[in-house]
Amino acid sequence: MTEDKITKPAMGYGTGKNQNYCLGLTNLTDGILKEFKEIKFEFKRAALAYNTSIFELVEEEGKPCILYFSSQNRNERGKKLYFESPIAQLKSGAEHFLIKTLDGKIFGLGKSNRGQLTREGNSFETCQEITYFKEKNLEVKKIRCSADQSYFHCANNDLYFCGQIAYGNYGSTFKSGEDSRVPVICSKNVKRFWTGSNASFFFFSDFQNKLYARGNNNDGQFGSGTKQSSPNKQNNLIPNINADEIVCMGLGFSFSTMAVLKQNEKSTRVFAAGGHLCGHNRQTLSWQELLVFKNQNIVQIEAGYYHSIARSSNNEFWLWGESSQGQLLDITNNKKIPTKIKFNKFPEIENNPYIKAKCGSYSTIIFSQNKSTLINDLREAYKNEFITDLEIEGIKVHKIFIEKRLNTDSNKIIEIFENRSYDEKTIRKFFESVYLSKLLLSKLYWDQMSKLFNIEALNLQNLQRDLLILYKDEDSKDFDLLVADNDDEEDDEEGNDDDDDEEEEEDDDCERIPVHKFILAIRSGLFREMFQNINKDIKEIKDYSGKTVESIEILIKYFYTDKIELTADDDPELVVEELSDAVEYYQLNENSNLPNELELIKKQFNLN
């Protein structure tokens, strides 16, 4: 079974039209933004439609969950819908969604006025399972949506669709304007296919890597040199493009198409055809290269109704098209030529390798996936009271961490709460907010409590700053990790048989790496289990992994920062080799971004 890559909890920023709170921004209902605003809740993925949206949340109560914003509930908190199996794919059309779970089930949500959810009635309150393929014993590999249509790519390589038969783009069987409420085959022997959530045309390739298009071609968006507004019922072969070279495509409602073709390992070429908002000053009927992207490595391209966004492998972004609703961060100026944008206010985006972008009809969101491991580990540590050493009003926390976050000595913290009449639930929510850098109690209470401790804004940057300060603060470190010299171990294997009673002497020969005990307990299941089985007063523990001191020191810094950072003296090949099994050996969070960090090191130093 093929699934979208399961992403990690993200923090996002949205701009554009926020109708029905569809950007997840609770301060505005239908407001038009012209700058990015932070989406306050954590999510894994998002699918944006015309004035509705869904966000996949971190699991709640042990169940996969989406948050649904629509004109039917118009609730700034959205509507939560739960699933029995983890979510594999989320896709949006103009006003409907498809959701595929890991157990192979497919669900529809939203409008079905044209049969796009395989039924006549809409489905606004619950996700309705689409059972057609299960009944036919067909395995669906990928789902996609366009304006009022749904697509299902099956394991036998047949491509099915249901919904509006616009412009004859689904074969000669139907007339333009008809609907199909039962999935039917629109193409056979399909290797790959591309749609746009607002487009009335689509592209697909066969196993000879030939590229075809079908549907509305009234602005020349096929790039075939002609345009056709009458029903276009046949496959249109697109010349001069090898479909196997396509990295991604963006199909817009503005009858424009962008195709990113791989040039070599480090760069791509971007071509566009169709309407004047496709990156050119004029309409073009044939593929034209967008030279603004020359020598760039474009890895993602997205299109809304009248605007587009492109992302490069080194986290540079370009926006272009219409900005009438603020979707280009400017409510007055349209941009016919792709314009690079900066995120000076958001360094976590500017220098983050885990960024994605999404276009709604009149909106844009950028979301980072880099805070997942750290935030998840802190959440679990607070929830399960991992190796806590301070109790405040019956709530167990980590002393050094809380003192740093509140800029206050622990005795003073206890005294402040003893002299206030906050109930336990409010205090618990306060500390959870401090751990997660996320406001989880009423603003009134937070304002009162934050003044007591002179706390700065709750955001990831401040959390990362505090942990980095702790990493550099040698005086506050309360534990030593002992790492044996590998050369000494090799000598022992060659004949230096020390007795067990000399273990204490061996420890003296180990390198001592100072660390905060709570950091080891929070980030590593292995160390956490060790601490639970030894005297709590012990101030040191030995690492038995056999890894070098150099690699362990880099791993320890990663525990504080979620980043692998090398100095000029480090051997990148050795570090990658030794830490390649660290997630499993040290029992790190299963969503750890450590493998991604090592991949970045491999790319940076051209390591195989």
Foldseek 3Di string as FASTA:
>chain_A
DAFDPFFFWWKKWKFFFCALPQVQDLVDHGAFFLDTDINFAIFGDKEFAQNKIKTFHDDDPNWTWIFIGDPVVSHSRGDIATDPAAWGDWEAANFKIWTAGPVQWIWIAGDCCFLQRLDNHHHHPYTHIDCQCVVVVWGFNDWYAYHFKIWTQTPQRFIWMFGACALQQQADPDDHGHTGSHIDTRDGQWDDKDYANHAQKIWTAHPQQWIWIGGAFQFLQLQQQDGDHHRGNDTHTRPPDRNVQWLHKEQELQSKIKTWGDDDPAAIWIWMAGQLQRAHNGHHNHTDTQCVRPRFAWRDKYYAHFKIKIATQQQKIWIFGACCRSQNSDNPDGHSHTDIDDDVVDVCRNRARAWDKYDYNTMIMIIGRLCRQQLVLLLCCQVVVQLFDDAAPNGTDHQVLVCLQLVHHRVVVNVVVVPDDDDPVLVSQQVNCSSNLHRDDDPVSNVVVCVVRVGDHRDPVVLLVSLVVQLVPQVPFQAWEWEAALVVVVVCVVPVPDDPVCVVVRSVRTDIDGHHLVLLRSFFPQSSVVCVVDDVPDRYDYDPLSAHPLLVVQVRVCSSRVARDDDPPDDLVSNLVSCVCVCVVRVGDPSRCVVVRNVVSCVVVVND
